[in-house]
Structure formats: structure tokens, C-alpha cells
Amino acid sequence: MGVRAFGTMKKNLKRLSGVPPRCTGGYLPTNDVNDTSCCFKIVEYEKGQIRTLFHGLDGSRKMPAGEWLTAIKKQVKDGTSKTTYLSGWHVLLHHKECENYLLKFTKRLDKLKIVECEARGLRPKTHSPDNVWLADQIKFNLPKEDL
């Protein structure tokens, strides 16, 4: 990637990462479904709607704000189809980690956004080279004007 492309990506990151987070992450994640942790997720935001990047819930990528959403747990394979793991909502614990992860994306940059959320039942995605966590439940709490 040349210097010009990297500079453009940095501009996009500033534009896409949105409002500074109200929480900084860093809550100790546990896999107890009753423990809630603050975390961050990269989503598509289009026409006032939060959408997951890949698999959604009940056949839809559209996600409501303010509701606890429960992941459908099943054995799934990564994009490489080499690693099998128990599915869950993909989140990162710190806003800065999410910003760095966002730099890996090359498509739909005009629609991608980092959003703050709450998560329950967190567990590390152990085979990920990044500090990605999987959550059993997630809730998007930001008012729409923050998106």
C-alpha cells in the first residue's frame, strides 16, 4: 500500500470512527452471561439502520438498538474454512483496537462505523491474530444522533 492510499485510509478512519467513546472498554470480560462489559463493534450504518458486516440474526443483518440480542451458538468456520469455533457476536474491548482493526477493511468504507455496545458472555476468539472477543449477547445503546 502506497503512502497516498494509507493517507486516504487514515482520513476515512477519522470520518468513520464517529463520536469519541463514552466508555474506554477495559472491563474485565467474563463468560458469565450476567456480567456486562463495554465493548466496540464495527458495523455498517445505512439509512438509519445498524447492520452486521456478515452473518446477522434470524436471516437479517439489520440490528435494533436498545435490545439484548442473543447469538445463535453453533460450530462455524472462519473465512479460511480451516478453523472451526463456537459462533458469537464479534467485538473488541478497546476503541483503539477497533480503529486499528478497521484499517484492514477495503470495501464499503463509506458505510462502516465503530459503535459502542454492551456485551455478555464474552470469550476470546483464540485463533484470531487480533484481540477479537465473541459475545453471547450484545446490545447497541447509542442514540441514533451518535451514529
C-alpha atoms as a PDB file:
ATOM      1  CA  MET A   1       0.000   0.000   0.000  1.00  0.00           C
ATOM      2  CA  GLY A   2       1.477   3.335  -1.022  1.00  0.00           C
ATOM      3  CA  VAL A   3       1.702   6.430   1.129  1.00  0.00           C
ATOM      4  CA  ARG A   4      -1.190   8.101  -0.652  1.00  0.00           C
ATOM      5  CA  ALA A   5      -3.520   5.134  -0.091  1.00  0.00           C
ATOM      6  CA  PHE A   6      -2.549   4.937   3.574  1.00  0.00           C
ATOM      7  CA  GLY A   7      -3.219   8.669   3.993  1.00  0.00           C
ATOM      8  CA  THR A   8      -6.654   8.251   2.435  1.00  0.00           C
ATOM      9  CA  MET A   9      -7.370   5.331   4.737  1.00  0.00           C
ATOM     10  CA  LYS A  10      -6.376   7.450   7.757  1.00  0.00           C
ATOM     11  CA  LYS A  11      -8.822  10.179   6.656  1.00  0.00           C
ATOM     12  CA  ASN A  12     -11.552   7.548   6.281  1.00  0.00           C
ATOM     13  CA  LEU A  13     -10.757   6.200   9.738  1.00  0.00           C
ATOM     14  CA  LYS A  14     -11.240   9.624  11.302  1.00  0.00           C
ATOM     15  CA  ARG A  15     -14.501  10.066   9.448  1.00  0.00           C
ATOM     16  CA  LEU A  16     -15.786   6.563  10.161  1.00  0.00           C
ATOM     17  CA  SER A  17     -14.873   6.121  13.783  1.00  0.00           C
ATOM     18  CA  GLY A  18     -17.507   8.646  14.820  1.00  0.00           C
ATOM     19  CA  VAL A  19     -18.005  10.176  18.226  1.00  0.00           C
ATOM     20  CA  PRO A  20     -15.312   9.533  20.865  1.00  0.00           C
ATOM     21  CA  PRO A  21     -16.403   6.632  23.033  1.00  0.00           C
ATOM     22  CA  ARG A  22     -18.123   7.206  26.362  1.00  0.00           C
ATOM     23  CA  CYS A  23     -16.571   4.068  27.759  1.00  0.00           C
ATOM     24  CA  THR A  24     -12.985   3.041  27.276  1.00  0.00           C
ATOM     25  CA  GLY A  25     -13.522  -0.686  27.392  1.00  0.00           C
ATOM     26  CA  GLY A  26     -11.242  -2.449  29.776  1.00  0.00           C
ATOM     27  CA  TYR A  27     -13.936  -4.016  31.916  1.00  0.00           C
ATOM     28  CA  LEU A  28     -12.764  -7.465  32.847  1.00  0.00           C
ATOM     29  CA  PRO A  29     -14.576  -9.779  30.444  1.00  0.00           C
ATOM     30  CA  THR A  30     -16.061 -12.939  31.877  1.00  0.00           C
ATOM     31  CA  ASN A  31     -18.105 -15.664  30.307  1.00  0.00           C
ATOM     32  CA  ASP A  32     -20.849 -15.203  32.922  1.00  0.00           C
ATOM     33  CA  VAL A  33     -23.985 -14.286  30.977  1.00  0.00           C
ATOM     34  CA  ASN A  34     -24.998 -11.895  33.778  1.00  0.00           C
ATOM     35  CA  ASP A  35     -21.754  -9.855  33.652  1.00  0.00           C
ATOM     36  CA  THR A  36     -21.893  -6.934  31.239  1.00  0.00           C
ATOM     37  CA  SER A  37     -18.813  -5.459  29.554  1.00  0.00           C
ATOM     38  CA  CYS A  38     -18.471  -2.317  27.483  1.00  0.00           C
ATOM     39  CA  CYS A  39     -17.033  -3.062  24.049  1.00  0.00           C
ATOM     40  CA  PHE A  40     -16.959  -1.909  20.432  1.00  0.00           C
ATOM     41  CA  LYS A  41     -18.139  -3.360  17.145  1.00  0.00           C
ATOM     42  CA  ILE A  42     -17.634  -2.420  13.517  1.00  0.00           C
ATOM     43  CA  VAL A  43     -20.964  -2.251  11.720  1.00  0.00           C
ATOM     44  CA  GLU A  44     -22.468  -0.896   8.533  1.00  0.00           C
ATOM     45  CA  TYR A  45     -24.666   2.116   9.105  1.00  0.00           C
ATOM     46  CA  GLU A  46     -27.017   2.949   6.275  1.00  0.00           C
ATOM     47  CA  LYS A  47     -30.353   4.740   6.119  1.00  0.00           C
ATOM     48  CA  GLY A  48     -30.581   4.980   9.907  1.00  0.00           C
ATOM     49  CA  GLN A  49     -30.039   1.256  10.376  1.00  0.00           C
ATOM     50  CA  ILE A  50     -27.249  -0.706  12.083  1.00  0.00           C
ATOM     51  CA  ARG A  51     -26.265  -3.774  10.067  1.00  0.00           C
ATOM     52  CA  THR A  52     -23.804  -6.539  10.837  1.00  0.00           C
ATOM     53  CA  LEU A  53     -20.910  -6.985   8.418  1.00  0.00           C
ATOM     54  CA  PHE A  54     -21.528 -10.640   7.714  1.00  0.00           C
ATOM     55  CA  HIS A  55     -23.949 -13.023   9.408  1.00  0.00           C
ATOM     56  CA  GLY A  56     -26.912 -11.493  11.133  1.00  0.00           C
ATOM     57  CA  LEU A  57     -29.714 -12.801  13.284  1.00  0.00           C
ATOM     58  CA  ASP A  58     -32.757 -14.714  12.049  1.00  0.00           C
ATOM     59  CA  GLY A  59     -31.765 -14.164   8.417  1.00  0.00           C
ATOM     60  CA  SER A  60     -31.357 -10.389   8.716  1.00  0.00           C
ATOM     61  CA  ARG A  61     -28.262  -8.218   9.037  1.00  0.00           C
ATOM     62  CA  LYS A  62     -30.389  -5.341  10.449  1.00  0.00           C
ATOM     63  CA  MET A  63     -29.894  -4.906  14.197  1.00  0.00           C
ATOM     64  CA  PRO A  64     -32.147  -2.939  16.554  1.00  0.00           C
ATOM     65  CA  ALA A  65     -30.628  -0.577  19.130  1.00  0.00           C
ATOM     66  CA  GLY A  66     -31.504  -0.833  22.818  1.00  0.00           C
ATOM     67  CA  GLU A  67     -32.367  -4.549  22.810  1.00  0.00           C
ATOM     68  CA  TRP A  68     -30.337  -7.510  24.010  1.00  0.00           C
ATOM     69  CA  LEU A  69     -29.627  -9.747  21.008  1.00  0.00           C
ATOM     70  CA  THR A  70     -28.604 -13.348  21.614  1.00  0.00           C
ATOM     71  CA  ALA A  71     -26.187 -15.058  19.256  1.00  0.00           C
ATOM     72  CA  ILE A  72     -27.171 -18.373  17.787  1.00  0.00           C
ATOM     73  CA  LYS A  73     -24.375 -20.614  19.027  1.00  0.00           C
ATOM     74  CA  LYS A  74     -23.127 -23.231  16.599  1.00  0.00           C
ATOM     75  CA  GLN A  75     -19.853 -24.511  15.247  1.00  0.00           C
ATOM     76  CA  VAL A  76     -18.784 -22.298  12.339  1.00  0.00           C
ATOM     77  CA  LYS A  77     -15.691 -21.898  10.171  1.00  0.00           C
ATOM     78  CA  ASP A  78     -13.617 -18.776   9.602  1.00  0.00           C
ATOM     79  CA  GLY A  79     -13.272 -17.284   6.132  1.00  0.00           C
ATOM     80  CA  THR A  80     -10.302 -19.559   5.571  1.00  0.00           C
ATOM     81  CA  SER A  81     -12.538 -22.588   6.314  1.00  0.00           C
ATOM     82  CA  LYS A  82      -9.638 -24.061   8.267  1.00  0.00           C
ATOM     83  CA  THR A  83     -10.619 -23.137  11.825  1.00  0.00           C
ATOM     84  CA  THR A  84     -13.855 -24.192  13.498  1.00  0.00           C
ATOM     85  CA  TYR A  85     -15.128 -22.299  16.548  1.00  0.00           C
ATOM     86  CA  LEU A  86     -18.313 -21.622  18.519  1.00  0.00           C
ATOM     87  CA  SER A  87     -20.073 -18.619  16.966  1.00  0.00           C
ATOM     88  CA  GLY A  88     -20.887 -15.363  18.743  1.00  0.00           C
ATOM     89  CA  TRP A  89     -21.005 -11.600  18.235  1.00  0.00           C
ATOM     90  CA  HIS A  90     -17.524 -10.339  17.260  1.00  0.00           C
ATOM     91  CA  VAL A  91     -16.416  -7.396  19.420  1.00  0.00           C
ATOM     92  CA  LEU A  92     -13.249  -5.636  20.561  1.00  0.00           C
ATOM     93  CA  LEU A  93     -12.711  -4.368  24.089  1.00  0.00           C
ATOM     94  CA  HIS A  94     -10.976  -1.074  23.310  1.00  0.00           C
ATOM     95  CA  HIS A  95     -11.845   1.677  20.843  1.00  0.00           C
ATOM     96  CA  LYS A  96      -8.212   1.964  19.674  1.00  0.00           C
ATOM     97  CA  GLU A  97      -8.114  -1.769  18.855  1.00  0.00           C
ATOM     98  CA  CYS A  98     -11.284  -1.312  16.843  1.00  0.00           C
ATOM     99  CA  GLU A  99      -9.759   1.635  14.953  1.00  0.00           C
ATOM    100  CA  ASN A 100      -6.722  -0.498  14.090  1.00  0.00           C
ATOM    101  CA  TYR A 101      -8.934  -3.399  13.022  1.00  0.00           C
ATOM    102  CA  LEU A 102     -10.974  -1.053  10.817  1.00  0.00           C
ATOM    103  CA  LEU A 103      -7.821  -0.264   8.821  1.00  0.00           C
ATOM    104  CA  LYS A 104      -7.919  -3.822   7.436  1.00  0.00           C
ATOM    105  CA  PHE A 105     -11.137  -3.136   5.556  1.00  0.00           C
ATOM    106  CA  THR A 106     -11.009  -2.006   1.933  1.00  0.00           C
ATOM    107  CA  LYS A 107     -14.662  -2.099   0.828  1.00  0.00           C
ATOM    108  CA  ARG A 108     -17.797  -0.234   1.913  1.00  0.00           C
ATOM    109  CA  LEU A 109     -15.689   2.291   3.855  1.00  0.00           C
ATOM    110  CA  ASP A 110     -18.387   4.939   3.429  1.00  0.00           C
ATOM    111  CA  LYS A 111     -20.804   2.731   5.414  1.00  0.00           C
ATOM    112  CA  LEU A 112     -18.548   1.341   8.165  1.00  0.00           C
ATOM    113  CA  LYS A 113     -18.788   2.720  11.680  1.00  0.00           C
ATOM    114  CA  ILE A 114     -17.433   1.835  15.109  1.00  0.00           C
ATOM    115  CA  VAL A 115     -20.258   1.636  17.625  1.00  0.00           C
ATOM    116  CA  GLU A 116     -20.184   1.232  21.371  1.00  0.00           C
ATOM    117  CA  CYS A 117     -22.174  -1.638  22.811  1.00  0.00           C
ATOM    118  CA  GLU A 118     -22.635  -3.793  25.871  1.00  0.00           C
ATOM    119  CA  ALA A 119     -21.848  -7.490  25.782  1.00  0.00           C
ATOM    120  CA  ARG A 120     -22.464 -10.516  27.970  1.00  0.00           C
ATOM    121  CA  GLY A 121     -20.860 -13.933  27.968  1.00  0.00           C
ATOM    122  CA  LEU A 122     -17.543 -12.817  26.471  1.00  0.00           C
ATOM    123  CA  ARG A 123     -14.881 -15.299  25.466  1.00  0.00           C
ATOM    124  CA  PRO A 124     -11.697 -14.774  23.447  1.00  0.00           C
ATOM    125  CA  LYS A 125     -11.646 -15.782  19.801  1.00  0.00           C
ATOM    126  CA  THR A 126      -8.440 -17.673  20.461  1.00  0.00           C
ATOM    127  CA  HIS A 127      -7.428 -18.338  16.863  1.00  0.00           C
ATOM    128  CA  SER A 128      -7.724 -14.667  15.826  1.00  0.00           C
ATOM    129  CA  PRO A 129      -4.455 -12.761  15.283  1.00  0.00           C
ATOM    130  CA  ASP A 130      -6.262  -9.693  16.679  1.00  0.00           C
ATOM    131  CA  ASN A 131      -7.764  -9.200  20.130  1.00  0.00           C
ATOM    132  CA  VAL A 132     -11.266 -10.199  18.966  1.00  0.00           C
ATOM    133  CA  TRP A 133     -13.790 -11.486  21.504  1.00  0.00           C
ATOM    134  CA  LEU A 134     -17.027 -13.400  20.962  1.00  0.00           C
ATOM    135  CA  ALA A 135     -20.143 -12.434  22.927  1.00  0.00           C
ATOM    136  CA  ASP A 136     -23.232 -14.498  23.644  1.00  0.00           C
ATOM    137  CA  GLN A 137     -25.354 -11.329  23.853  1.00  0.00           C
ATOM    138  CA  ILE A 138     -24.945  -7.774  22.597  1.00  0.00           C
ATOM    139  CA  LYS A 139     -26.875  -4.500  22.928  1.00  0.00           C
ATOM    140  CA  PHE A 140     -26.306  -1.308  20.932  1.00  0.00           C
ATOM    141  CA  ASN A 141     -27.017   1.579  23.301  1.00  0.00           C
ATOM    142  CA  LEU A 142     -26.052   4.662  21.315  1.00  0.00           C
ATOM    143  CA  PRO A 143     -28.799   7.097  20.443  1.00  0.00           C
ATOM    144  CA  LYS A 144     -29.191   7.497  16.703  1.00  0.00           C
ATOM    145  CA  GLU A 145     -27.751  11.016  16.740  1.00  0.00           C
ATOM    146  CA  ASP A 146     -24.416   9.481  17.833  1.00  0.00           C
ATOM    147  CA  LEU A 147     -24.338   7.306  14.760  1.00  0.00           C
END
